[in-house]
Amino acid sequence: MSNTHPLKVLNYCPKCGSSDFKASGERSLKCNSCGFHYFINSAAAVAALVTNEKGQLMLVTRGVEPNYGKLDLPGGFIDPLESAEQAVARELSEELGLEVKSMKYLGSAPNEYVFSEFTVFTLDMAFEVKAESLENLKPMDDILGYRFYSEAELDYDDIPAPSIKQFVKHFFEKIRQSRNPVI
């Protein structure tokens, strides 16, 4: 367990402030003063797979930590009381000014990263997205830029998040299989 794991970082009860806030199993902490019980769960996040007319995949360059300057899929955390589909549309609008024409859920993968010296566990959900238009997109919010890639142009080491790397590899694997179907 790393020094950034919530069991190691959270020392005070968020409800009463007591320092008698101790691990209560492998994924929870309990306050012995007020009884507050905190569970370490995954936060929900979305990732959009957007392609251009050549079938290349859009990747963005992160403009924030963790992994500033590295490649990622556009997306982000789901806000409270927001659906995954609403989050995809909101994140693409905020990050690129992209409006969603349609989307299809592809699958999910667990992930973890360190933010503010605190491990954040996520469940990342991938969506194939068709855009209303790819014209006049502009990198905004927490991205520095975007580019469309073929697999040959891509270095997977530039994608640090395991879940995102998995989604991108699966995307290109599907393209290869559609070109060379197994009979």
N, C-alpha and C. Protein backbone atom coordinates (compact mmCIF):
# COMPACT_ATOMS: atom_id res chain seq x y z
N MET A 1 0.85 -1.17 0.00
CA MET A 1 0.00 0.00 0.00
C MET A 1 0.90 1.24 0.00
N SER A 2 0.66 2.13 -0.95
CA SER A 2 1.50 3.33 -1.10
C SER A 2 1.18 4.35 -0.01
N ASN A 3 2.08 5.30 0.15
CA ASN A 3 1.88 6.39 1.11
C ASN A 3 0.78 7.34 0.69
N THR A 4 0.28 7.20 -0.53
CA THR A 4 -0.80 8.07 -1.02
C THR A 4 -2.17 7.39 -0.92
N HIS A 5 -2.18 6.14 -0.48
CA HIS A 5 -3.45 5.42 -0.34
C HIS A 5 -4.30 6.12 0.73
N PRO A 6 -5.62 6.24 0.49
CA PRO A 6 -6.48 6.92 1.46
C PRO A 6 -6.35 6.41 2.90
N LEU A 7 -6.09 5.12 3.10
CA LEU A 7 -5.91 4.61 4.45
C LEU A 7 -4.69 5.21 5.14
N LYS A 8 -3.72 5.64 4.36
CA LYS A 8 -2.50 6.25 4.91
C LYS A 8 -2.60 7.78 5.01
N VAL A 9 -3.44 8.40 4.15
CA VAL A 9 -3.50 9.85 4.05
C VAL A 9 -4.54 10.47 4.99
N LEU A 10 -5.69 9.83 5.10
CA LEU A 10 -6.78 10.40 5.90
C LEU A 10 -6.54 10.12 7.39
N ASN A 11 -6.19 11.17 8.13
CA ASN A 11 -5.85 11.03 9.54
C ASN A 11 -6.90 11.59 10.48
N TYR A 12 -7.82 12.38 9.96
CA TYR A 12 -8.83 13.04 10.80
C TYR A 12 -10.21 12.80 10.23
N CYS A 13 -11.16 12.62 11.12
CA CYS A 13 -12.54 12.38 10.71
C CYS A 13 -13.09 13.62 10.01
N PRO A 14 -13.64 13.45 8.79
CA PRO A 14 -14.19 14.61 8.08
C PRO A 14 -15.48 15.14 8.71
N LYS A 15 -16.08 14.39 9.60
CA LYS A 15 -17.32 14.83 10.24
C LYS A 15 -17.05 15.62 11.52
N CYS A 16 -16.21 15.07 12.42
CA CYS A 16 -16.00 15.74 13.72
C CYS A 16 -14.58 16.24 13.93
N GLY A 17 -13.65 15.87 13.06
CA GLY A 17 -12.26 16.34 13.17
C GLY A 17 -11.39 15.52 14.11
N SER A 18 -11.91 14.47 14.69
CA SER A 18 -11.15 13.64 15.63
C SER A 18 -9.97 12.96 14.94
N SER A 19 -8.89 12.80 15.69
CA SER A 19 -7.75 12.05 15.18
C SER A 19 -7.91 10.55 15.45
N ASP A 20 -9.00 10.18 16.08
CA ASP A 20 -9.29 8.78 16.35
C ASP A 20 -10.06 8.17 15.16
N PHE A 21 -9.52 8.36 13.98
CA PHE A 21 -10.10 7.95 12.70
C PHE A 21 -9.19 6.86 12.15
N LYS A 22 -9.59 5.61 12.27
CA LYS A 22 -8.69 4.48 12.01
C LYS A 22 -9.24 3.56 10.92
N ALA A 23 -8.30 2.83 10.31
CA ALA A 23 -8.69 1.84 9.30
C ALA A 23 -9.64 0.83 9.93
N SER A 24 -10.67 0.50 9.16
CA SER A 24 -11.67 -0.47 9.60
C SER A 24 -11.85 -1.47 8.46
N GLY A 25 -10.83 -2.24 8.19
CA GLY A 25 -10.83 -3.15 7.05
C GLY A 25 -9.91 -2.62 5.97
N GLU A 26 -9.97 -3.26 4.80
CA GLU A 26 -9.06 -2.91 3.71
C GLU A 26 -9.50 -1.70 2.91
N ARG A 27 -10.77 -1.28 3.04
CA ARG A 27 -11.23 -0.15 2.24
C ARG A 27 -12.17 0.79 2.98
N SER A 28 -11.97 0.92 4.28
CA SER A 28 -12.78 1.89 5.02
C SER A 28 -12.05 2.38 6.25
N LEU A 29 -12.52 3.52 6.75
CA LEU A 29 -12.03 4.11 7.99
C LEU A 29 -13.23 4.43 8.86
N LYS A 30 -13.04 4.33 10.17
CA LYS A 30 -14.14 4.60 11.09
C LYS A 30 -13.64 5.48 12.22
N CYS A 31 -14.49 6.46 12.58
CA CYS A 31 -14.17 7.36 13.67
C CYS A 31 -14.66 6.76 14.98
N ASN A 32 -13.75 6.59 15.91
CA ASN A 32 -14.11 6.03 17.21
C ASN A 32 -14.75 7.09 18.11
N SER A 33 -14.72 8.36 17.70
CA SER A 33 -15.34 9.42 18.50
C SER A 33 -16.81 9.62 18.16
N CYS A 34 -17.11 9.76 16.85
CA CYS A 34 -18.51 10.06 16.47
C CYS A 34 -19.19 8.91 15.72
N GLY A 35 -18.42 7.87 15.34
CA GLY A 35 -19.00 6.73 14.66
C GLY A 35 -19.07 6.85 13.15
N PHE A 36 -18.60 7.98 12.59
CA PHE A 36 -18.63 8.16 11.13
C PHE A 36 -17.82 7.06 10.46
N HIS A 37 -18.38 6.45 9.41
CA HIS A 37 -17.73 5.37 8.69
C HIS A 37 -17.52 5.82 7.24
N TYR A 38 -16.28 5.87 6.79
CA TYR A 38 -15.93 6.33 5.44
C TYR A 38 -15.45 5.13 4.63
N PHE A 39 -16.09 4.92 3.46
CA PHE A 39 -15.69 3.83 2.57
C PHE A 39 -14.90 4.39 1.39
N ILE A 40 -13.85 3.69 1.01
CA ILE A 40 -13.02 4.06 -0.13
C ILE A 40 -13.59 3.34 -1.34
N ASN A 41 -14.28 4.09 -2.18
CA ASN A 41 -14.92 3.56 -3.37
C ASN A 41 -14.32 4.20 -4.61
N SER A 42 -14.61 3.64 -5.74
CA SER A 42 -14.15 4.22 -7.00
C SER A 42 -15.04 5.39 -7.41
N ALA A 43 -14.41 6.43 -7.91
CA ALA A 43 -15.13 7.55 -8.50
C ALA A 43 -15.41 7.21 -9.96
N ALA A 44 -16.54 7.67 -10.47
CA ALA A 44 -16.92 7.37 -11.86
C ALA A 44 -16.35 8.42 -12.80
N ALA A 45 -15.82 7.96 -13.93
CA ALA A 45 -15.25 8.85 -14.93
C ALA A 45 -15.58 8.33 -16.32
N VAL A 46 -15.51 9.21 -17.31
CA VAL A 46 -15.81 8.83 -18.69
C VAL A 46 -14.66 9.18 -19.62
N ALA A 47 -14.58 8.44 -20.71
CA ALA A 47 -13.58 8.68 -21.76
C ALA A 47 -14.28 8.55 -23.10
N ALA A 48 -14.01 9.49 -23.99
CA ALA A 48 -14.66 9.50 -25.31
C ALA A 48 -13.68 9.09 -26.40
N LEU A 49 -14.11 8.16 -27.24
CA LEU A 49 -13.33 7.76 -28.41
C LEU A 49 -13.98 8.41 -29.62
N VAL A 50 -13.32 9.43 -30.13
CA VAL A 50 -13.81 10.23 -31.25
C VAL A 50 -12.88 9.99 -32.43
N THR A 51 -13.45 9.71 -33.60
CA THR A 51 -12.63 9.47 -34.79
C THR A 51 -12.95 10.49 -35.87
N ASN A 52 -11.99 10.66 -36.76
CA ASN A 52 -12.20 11.53 -37.92
C ASN A 52 -12.60 10.68 -39.13
N GLU A 53 -12.74 11.34 -40.29
CA GLU A 53 -13.18 10.64 -41.50
C GLU A 53 -12.17 9.59 -41.98
N LYS A 54 -10.91 9.67 -41.54
CA LYS A 54 -9.90 8.68 -41.90
C LYS A 54 -9.86 7.50 -40.94
N GLY A 55 -10.69 7.55 -39.89
CA GLY A 55 -10.70 6.49 -38.89
C GLY A 55 -9.63 6.63 -37.83
N GLN A 56 -8.97 7.79 -37.80
CA GLN A 56 -7.96 8.05 -36.78
C GLN A 56 -8.65 8.43 -35.47
N LEU A 57 -8.00 8.12 -34.36
CA LEU A 57 -8.55 8.35 -33.03
C LEU A 57 -8.01 9.64 -32.43
N MET A 58 -8.93 10.43 -31.85
CA MET A 58 -8.53 11.67 -31.19
C MET A 58 -7.94 11.38 -29.82
N LEU A 59 -6.75 11.91 -29.58
CA LEU A 59 -6.15 11.91 -28.25
C LEU A 59 -5.85 13.36 -27.90
N VAL A 60 -5.97 13.67 -26.62
CA VAL A 60 -5.70 15.02 -26.15
C VAL A 60 -4.42 15.02 -25.32
N THR A 61 -3.82 16.19 -25.20
CA THR A 61 -2.64 16.37 -24.36
C THR A 61 -3.11 16.99 -23.05
N ARG A 62 -2.81 16.32 -21.95
CA ARG A 62 -3.25 16.79 -20.64
C ARG A 62 -2.58 18.11 -20.27
N GLY A 63 -3.38 19.03 -19.75
CA GLY A 63 -2.87 20.32 -19.31
C GLY A 63 -2.87 20.47 -17.81
N VAL A 64 -3.12 19.37 -17.10
CA VAL A 64 -3.14 19.37 -15.63
C VAL A 64 -2.48 18.10 -15.12
N GLU A 65 -2.06 18.15 -13.87
CA GLU A 65 -1.56 16.94 -13.21
C GLU A 65 -2.76 16.13 -12.75
N PRO A 66 -2.67 14.83 -12.66
CA PRO A 66 -1.45 14.07 -12.93
C PRO A 66 -1.19 13.89 -14.42
N ASN A 67 0.04 13.63 -14.73
CA ASN A 67 0.47 13.32 -16.09
C ASN A 67 0.35 14.48 -17.07
N TYR A 68 0.69 15.68 -16.60
CA TYR A 68 0.71 16.87 -17.44
C TYR A 68 1.55 16.60 -18.70
N GLY A 69 1.01 16.98 -19.86
CA GLY A 69 1.74 16.84 -21.12
C GLY A 69 1.65 15.47 -21.76
N LYS A 70 1.03 14.52 -21.09
CA LYS A 70 0.89 13.16 -21.63
C LYS A 70 -0.43 13.03 -22.38
N LEU A 71 -0.57 11.94 -23.13
CA LEU A 71 -1.77 11.71 -23.92
C LEU A 71 -2.89 11.07 -23.10
N ASP A 72 -4.10 11.39 -23.50
CA ASP A 72 -5.29 10.92 -22.81
C ASP A 72 -6.44 10.94 -23.81
N LEU A 73 -7.52 10.30 -23.48
CA LEU A 73 -8.76 10.46 -24.23
C LEU A 73 -9.52 11.63 -23.61
N PRO A 74 -10.28 12.38 -24.40
CA PRO A 74 -11.08 13.44 -23.78
C PRO A 74 -12.09 12.83 -22.82
N GLY A 75 -12.36 13.52 -21.73
CA GLY A 75 -13.31 13.02 -20.74
C GLY A 75 -12.98 13.55 -19.37
N GLY A 76 -13.55 12.92 -18.36
CA GLY A 76 -13.29 13.34 -17.00
C GLY A 76 -14.29 12.73 -16.03
N PHE A 77 -14.31 13.28 -14.82
CA PHE A 77 -15.16 12.76 -13.77
C PHE A 77 -16.63 13.09 -14.02
N ILE A 78 -17.48 12.18 -13.58
CA ILE A 78 -18.92 12.40 -13.63
C ILE A 78 -19.31 13.23 -12.42
N ASP A 79 -20.04 14.31 -12.66
CA ASP A 79 -20.50 15.17 -11.57
C ASP A 79 -21.62 14.49 -10.79
N PRO A 80 -21.81 14.88 -9.52
CA PRO A 80 -22.93 14.33 -8.75
C PRO A 80 -24.26 14.55 -9.47
N LEU A 81 -25.09 13.51 -9.46
CA LEU A 81 -26.43 13.50 -10.07
C LEU A 81 -26.41 13.68 -11.59
N GLU A 82 -25.29 13.32 -12.22
CA GLU A 82 -25.14 13.39 -13.67
C GLU A 82 -24.98 11.97 -14.19
N SER A 83 -25.59 11.67 -15.34
CA SER A 83 -25.40 10.35 -15.95
C SER A 83 -24.05 10.32 -16.67
N ALA A 84 -23.59 9.12 -16.97
CA ALA A 84 -22.34 8.98 -17.72
C ALA A 84 -22.47 9.64 -19.09
N GLU A 85 -23.62 9.49 -19.73
CA GLU A 85 -23.84 10.08 -21.05
C GLU A 85 -23.82 11.61 -20.97
N GLN A 86 -24.44 12.17 -19.94
CA GLN A 86 -24.41 13.63 -19.76
C GLN A 86 -22.98 14.10 -19.53
N ALA A 87 -22.20 13.32 -18.77
CA ALA A 87 -20.81 13.69 -18.50
C ALA A 87 -19.98 13.70 -19.78
N VAL A 88 -20.19 12.71 -20.65
CA VAL A 88 -19.46 12.67 -21.93
C VAL A 88 -19.74 13.94 -22.72
N ALA A 89 -21.02 14.29 -22.86
CA ALA A 89 -21.40 15.48 -23.63
C ALA A 89 -20.83 16.75 -22.99
N ARG A 90 -20.93 16.86 -21.67
CA ARG A 90 -20.42 18.04 -20.97
C ARG A 90 -18.90 18.17 -21.12
N GLU A 91 -18.19 17.07 -20.87
CA GLU A 91 -16.72 17.11 -20.94
C GLU A 91 -16.24 17.47 -22.35
N LEU A 92 -16.85 16.90 -23.39
CA LEU A 92 -16.44 17.22 -24.76
C LEU A 92 -16.73 18.68 -25.10
N SER A 93 -17.82 19.21 -24.61
CA SER A 93 -18.14 20.62 -24.82
C SER A 93 -17.14 21.52 -24.09
N GLU A 94 -16.86 21.19 -22.82
CA GLU A 94 -15.93 21.99 -22.02
C GLU A 94 -14.51 21.95 -22.54
N GLU A 95 -14.06 20.77 -22.97
CA GLU A 95 -12.66 20.59 -23.37
C GLU A 95 -12.37 20.99 -24.80
N LEU A 96 -13.37 20.84 -25.70
CA LEU A 96 -13.09 21.04 -27.12
C LEU A 96 -14.13 21.87 -27.86
N GLY A 97 -15.26 22.18 -27.22
CA GLY A 97 -16.36 22.82 -27.93
C GLY A 97 -17.04 21.85 -28.87
N LEU A 98 -16.90 20.55 -28.62
CA LEU A 98 -17.46 19.51 -29.48
C LEU A 98 -18.87 19.16 -29.02
N GLU A 99 -19.79 19.11 -29.97
CA GLU A 99 -21.17 18.72 -29.69
C GLU A 99 -21.37 17.27 -30.14
N VAL A 100 -22.01 16.48 -29.31
CA VAL A 100 -22.20 15.05 -29.56
C VAL A 100 -23.43 14.82 -30.43
N LYS A 101 -23.22 14.05 -31.50
CA LYS A 101 -24.34 13.63 -32.36
C LYS A 101 -24.94 12.34 -31.82
N SER A 102 -24.06 11.38 -31.50
CA SER A 102 -24.49 10.11 -30.92
C SER A 102 -23.34 9.51 -30.14
N MET A 103 -23.69 8.57 -29.26
CA MET A 103 -22.65 7.87 -28.50
C MET A 103 -23.11 6.45 -28.20
N LYS A 104 -22.11 5.59 -28.00
CA LYS A 104 -22.38 4.18 -27.71
C LYS A 104 -21.41 3.75 -26.61
N TYR A 105 -21.96 3.13 -25.56
CA TYR A 105 -21.13 2.62 -24.46
C TYR A 105 -20.31 1.43 -24.96
N LEU A 106 -19.01 1.43 -24.64
CA LEU A 106 -18.12 0.35 -25.08
C LEU A 106 -17.71 -0.58 -23.96
N GLY A 107 -17.48 -0.04 -22.77
CA GLY A 107 -17.02 -0.87 -21.65
C GLY A 107 -16.35 -0.03 -20.59
N SER A 108 -15.87 -0.70 -19.55
CA SER A 108 -15.25 0.02 -18.43
C SER A 108 -13.95 -0.66 -18.02
N ALA A 109 -13.15 0.09 -17.27
CA ALA A 109 -11.90 -0.44 -16.74
C ALA A 109 -11.54 0.35 -15.48
N PRO A 110 -10.98 -0.34 -14.48
CA PRO A 110 -10.54 0.36 -13.28
C PRO A 110 -9.25 1.13 -13.54
N ASN A 111 -9.04 2.14 -12.73
CA ASN A 111 -7.84 2.96 -12.86
C ASN A 111 -7.51 3.54 -11.50
N GLU A 112 -6.31 3.98 -11.33
CA GLU A 112 -5.95 4.74 -10.14
C GLU A 112 -4.85 5.72 -10.51
N TYR A 113 -4.95 6.89 -9.92
CA TYR A 113 -3.87 7.86 -10.10
C TYR A 113 -3.77 8.71 -8.85
N VAL A 114 -2.63 9.36 -8.72
CA VAL A 114 -2.37 10.17 -7.54
C VAL A 114 -2.62 11.63 -7.89
N PHE A 115 -3.47 12.27 -7.09
CA PHE A 115 -3.79 13.69 -7.25
C PHE A 115 -3.67 14.34 -5.88
N SER A 116 -2.90 15.40 -5.77
CA SER A 116 -2.66 16.09 -4.50
C SER A 116 -2.16 15.12 -3.42
N GLU A 117 -1.25 14.23 -3.84
CA GLU A 117 -0.65 13.24 -2.95
C GLU A 117 -1.70 12.33 -2.30
N PHE A 118 -2.76 12.03 -3.06
CA PHE A 118 -3.86 11.19 -2.60
C PHE A 118 -4.26 10.28 -3.74
N THR A 119 -4.30 8.97 -3.50
CA THR A 119 -4.70 8.02 -4.54
C THR A 119 -6.20 8.11 -4.77
N VAL A 120 -6.56 8.34 -6.04
CA VAL A 120 -7.96 8.38 -6.45
C VAL A 120 -8.20 7.13 -7.29
N PHE A 121 -9.11 6.29 -6.83
CA PHE A 121 -9.50 5.11 -7.59
C PHE A 121 -10.68 5.50 -8.46
N THR A 122 -10.65 5.08 -9.72
CA THR A 122 -11.75 5.41 -10.63
C THR A 122 -12.24 4.17 -11.35
N LEU A 123 -13.46 4.26 -11.82
CA LEU A 123 -13.99 3.30 -12.79
C LEU A 123 -14.24 4.13 -14.04
N ASP A 124 -13.42 3.92 -15.05
CA ASP A 124 -13.50 4.69 -16.29
C ASP A 124 -14.39 3.97 -17.28
N MET A 125 -15.35 4.71 -17.83
CA MET A 125 -16.30 4.16 -18.80
C MET A 125 -16.03 4.76 -20.17
N ALA A 126 -15.84 3.92 -21.16
CA ALA A 126 -15.51 4.37 -22.51
C ALA A 126 -16.76 4.42 -23.39
N PHE A 127 -16.83 5.49 -24.20
CA PHE A 127 -17.94 5.68 -25.13
C PHE A 127 -17.38 6.01 -26.51
N GLU A 128 -17.92 5.35 -27.53
CA GLU A 128 -17.65 5.73 -28.91
C GLU A 128 -18.56 6.91 -29.21
N VAL A 129 -17.98 8.01 -29.69
CA VAL A 129 -18.75 9.24 -29.90
C VAL A 129 -18.66 9.68 -31.35
N LYS A 130 -19.81 9.99 -31.91
CA LYS A 130 -19.90 10.62 -33.23
C LYS A 130 -20.18 12.10 -32.96
N ALA A 131 -19.36 12.95 -33.54
CA ALA A 131 -19.48 14.40 -33.33
C ALA A 131 -20.41 15.02 -34.36
N GLU A 132 -21.09 16.08 -33.95
CA GLU A 132 -21.87 16.86 -34.91
C GLU A 132 -20.95 17.39 -36.00
N SER A 133 -19.76 17.86 -35.56
CA SER A 133 -18.76 18.40 -36.48
C SER A 133 -17.39 18.36 -35.80
N LEU A 134 -16.36 18.19 -36.60
CA LEU A 134 -14.99 18.26 -36.08
C LEU A 134 -14.33 19.57 -36.48
N GLU A 135 -15.12 20.48 -37.03
CA GLU A 135 -14.61 21.79 -37.43
C GLU A 135 -14.58 22.71 -36.21
N ASN A 136 -13.63 23.62 -36.19
CA ASN A 136 -13.53 24.68 -35.19
C ASN A 136 -13.41 24.17 -33.75
N LEU A 137 -12.82 23.00 -33.56
CA LEU A 137 -12.57 22.52 -32.20
C LEU A 137 -11.44 23.35 -31.60
N LYS A 138 -11.54 23.57 -30.30
CA LYS A 138 -10.54 24.40 -29.62
C LYS A 138 -10.20 23.77 -28.27
N PRO A 139 -8.89 23.50 -28.01
CA PRO A 139 -8.52 22.94 -26.70
C PRO A 139 -8.80 23.96 -25.59
N MET A 140 -9.55 23.53 -24.59
CA MET A 140 -9.91 24.41 -23.48
C MET A 140 -9.85 23.61 -22.18
N ASP A 141 -10.27 24.22 -21.11
CA ASP A 141 -10.41 23.59 -19.80
C ASP A 141 -9.08 23.00 -19.35
N ASP A 142 -8.97 21.68 -19.29
CA ASP A 142 -7.74 21.08 -18.76
C ASP A 142 -6.94 20.32 -19.81
N ILE A 143 -7.10 20.70 -21.09
CA ILE A 143 -6.27 20.09 -22.13
C ILE A 143 -5.48 21.16 -22.87
N LEU A 144 -4.29 20.78 -23.32
CA LEU A 144 -3.40 21.69 -24.05
C LEU A 144 -3.63 21.62 -25.55
N GLY A 145 -4.04 20.45 -26.04
CA GLY A 145 -4.21 20.28 -27.46
C GLY A 145 -4.84 18.94 -27.76
N TYR A 146 -5.09 18.71 -29.05
CA TYR A 146 -5.64 17.44 -29.49
C TYR A 146 -5.06 17.11 -30.86
N ARG A 147 -5.11 15.82 -31.19
CA ARG A 147 -4.63 15.36 -32.49
C ARG A 147 -5.28 14.02 -32.77
N PHE A 148 -5.47 13.73 -34.05
CA PHE A 148 -6.00 12.43 -34.47
C PHE A 148 -4.82 11.53 -34.84
N TYR A 149 -4.83 10.30 -34.35
CA TYR A 149 -3.72 9.36 -34.53
C TYR A 149 -4.18 8.08 -35.21
N SER A 150 -3.29 7.57 -36.08
CA SER A 150 -3.40 6.18 -36.50
C SER A 150 -2.54 5.40 -35.50
N GLU A 151 -2.70 4.08 -35.46
CA GLU A 151 -1.92 3.32 -34.48
C GLU A 151 -0.42 3.43 -34.75
N ALA A 152 -0.03 3.51 -36.01
CA ALA A 152 1.39 3.59 -36.36
C ALA A 152 2.04 4.87 -35.83
N GLU A 153 1.26 5.92 -35.63
CA GLU A 153 1.79 7.20 -35.15
C GLU A 153 1.86 7.30 -33.63
N LEU A 154 1.36 6.30 -32.97
CA LEU A 154 1.16 6.36 -31.53
C LEU A 154 2.22 5.60 -30.76
N ASP A 155 2.74 6.21 -29.69
CA ASP A 155 3.62 5.53 -28.75
C ASP A 155 2.80 5.31 -27.48
N TYR A 156 2.47 4.05 -27.20
CA TYR A 156 1.62 3.74 -26.05
C TYR A 156 2.25 4.19 -24.72
N ASP A 157 3.57 4.36 -24.69
CA ASP A 157 4.21 4.85 -23.47
C ASP A 157 3.82 6.29 -23.15
N ASP A 158 3.26 7.01 -24.13
CA ASP A 158 2.81 8.38 -23.91
C ASP A 158 1.42 8.45 -23.29
N ILE A 159 0.80 7.27 -23.07
CA ILE A 159 -0.52 7.18 -22.44
C ILE A 159 -0.31 6.53 -21.07
N PRO A 160 -0.21 7.31 -20.00
CA PRO A 160 0.13 6.72 -18.70
C PRO A 160 -1.02 5.99 -17.99
N ALA A 161 -2.26 6.37 -18.22
CA ALA A 161 -3.37 5.74 -17.50
C ALA A 161 -3.65 4.36 -18.06
N PRO A 162 -3.56 3.31 -17.24
CA PRO A 162 -3.79 1.94 -17.73
C PRO A 162 -5.16 1.75 -18.39
N SER A 163 -6.20 2.33 -17.84
CA SER A 163 -7.54 2.16 -18.42
C SER A 163 -7.61 2.79 -19.80
N ILE A 164 -7.05 3.98 -19.95
CA ILE A 164 -7.09 4.70 -21.23
C ILE A 164 -6.25 3.94 -22.26
N LYS A 165 -5.09 3.45 -21.85
CA LYS A 165 -4.25 2.65 -22.74
C LYS A 165 -5.02 1.42 -23.21
N GLN A 166 -5.75 0.78 -22.30
CA GLN A 166 -6.56 -0.40 -22.64
C GLN A 166 -7.64 -0.04 -23.66
N PHE A 167 -8.34 1.07 -23.47
CA PHE A 167 -9.39 1.49 -24.41
C PHE A 167 -8.80 1.76 -25.79
N VAL A 168 -7.66 2.44 -25.84
CA VAL A 168 -7.03 2.78 -27.12
C VAL A 168 -6.54 1.52 -27.83
N LYS A 169 -5.89 0.62 -27.09
CA LYS A 169 -5.43 -0.63 -27.70
C LYS A 169 -6.59 -1.45 -28.25
N HIS A 170 -7.68 -1.52 -27.49
CA HIS A 170 -8.86 -2.26 -27.93
C HIS A 170 -9.45 -1.62 -29.20
N PHE A 171 -9.48 -0.30 -29.25
CA PHE A 171 -9.98 0.41 -30.43
C PHE A 171 -9.19 0.01 -31.67
N PHE A 172 -7.87 0.08 -31.60
CA PHE A 172 -7.04 -0.25 -32.77
C PHE A 172 -7.07 -1.74 -33.08
N GLU A 173 -7.20 -2.58 -32.06
CA GLU A 173 -7.33 -4.02 -32.28
C GLU A 173 -8.60 -4.32 -33.08
N LYS A 174 -9.69 -3.65 -32.74
CA LYS A 174 -10.95 -3.84 -33.47
C LYS A 174 -10.79 -3.43 -34.93
N ILE A 175 -10.06 -2.37 -35.19
CA ILE A 175 -9.82 -1.92 -36.57
C ILE A 175 -9.02 -2.99 -37.33
N ARG A 176 -7.97 -3.50 -36.69
CA ARG A 176 -7.15 -4.54 -37.34
C ARG A 176 -8.00 -5.78 -37.64
N GLN A 177 -8.85 -6.18 -36.70
CA GLN A 177 -9.68 -7.37 -36.91
C GLN A 177 -10.70 -7.15 -38.01
N SER A 178 -11.21 -5.94 -38.15
CA SER A 178 -12.20 -5.67 -39.22
C SER A 178 -11.54 -5.70 -40.60
N ARG A 179 -10.24 -5.40 -40.65
CA ARG A 179 -9.51 -5.45 -41.92
C ARG A 179 -9.09 -6.87 -42.27
N ASN A 180 -8.88 -7.70 -41.23
CA ASN A 180 -8.44 -9.08 -41.42
C ASN A 180 -9.38 -10.01 -40.66
N PRO A 181 -10.61 -10.15 -41.09
CA PRO A 181 -11.56 -11.00 -40.35
C PRO A 181 -11.13 -12.46 -40.34
N VAL A 182 -11.35 -13.09 -39.18
CA VAL A 182 -11.04 -14.50 -39.04
C VAL A 182 -12.25 -15.28 -39.56
N ILE A 183 -11.97 -16.22 -40.46
CA ILE A 183 -13.07 -16.99 -41.07
C ILE A 183 -13.14 -18.36 -40.42
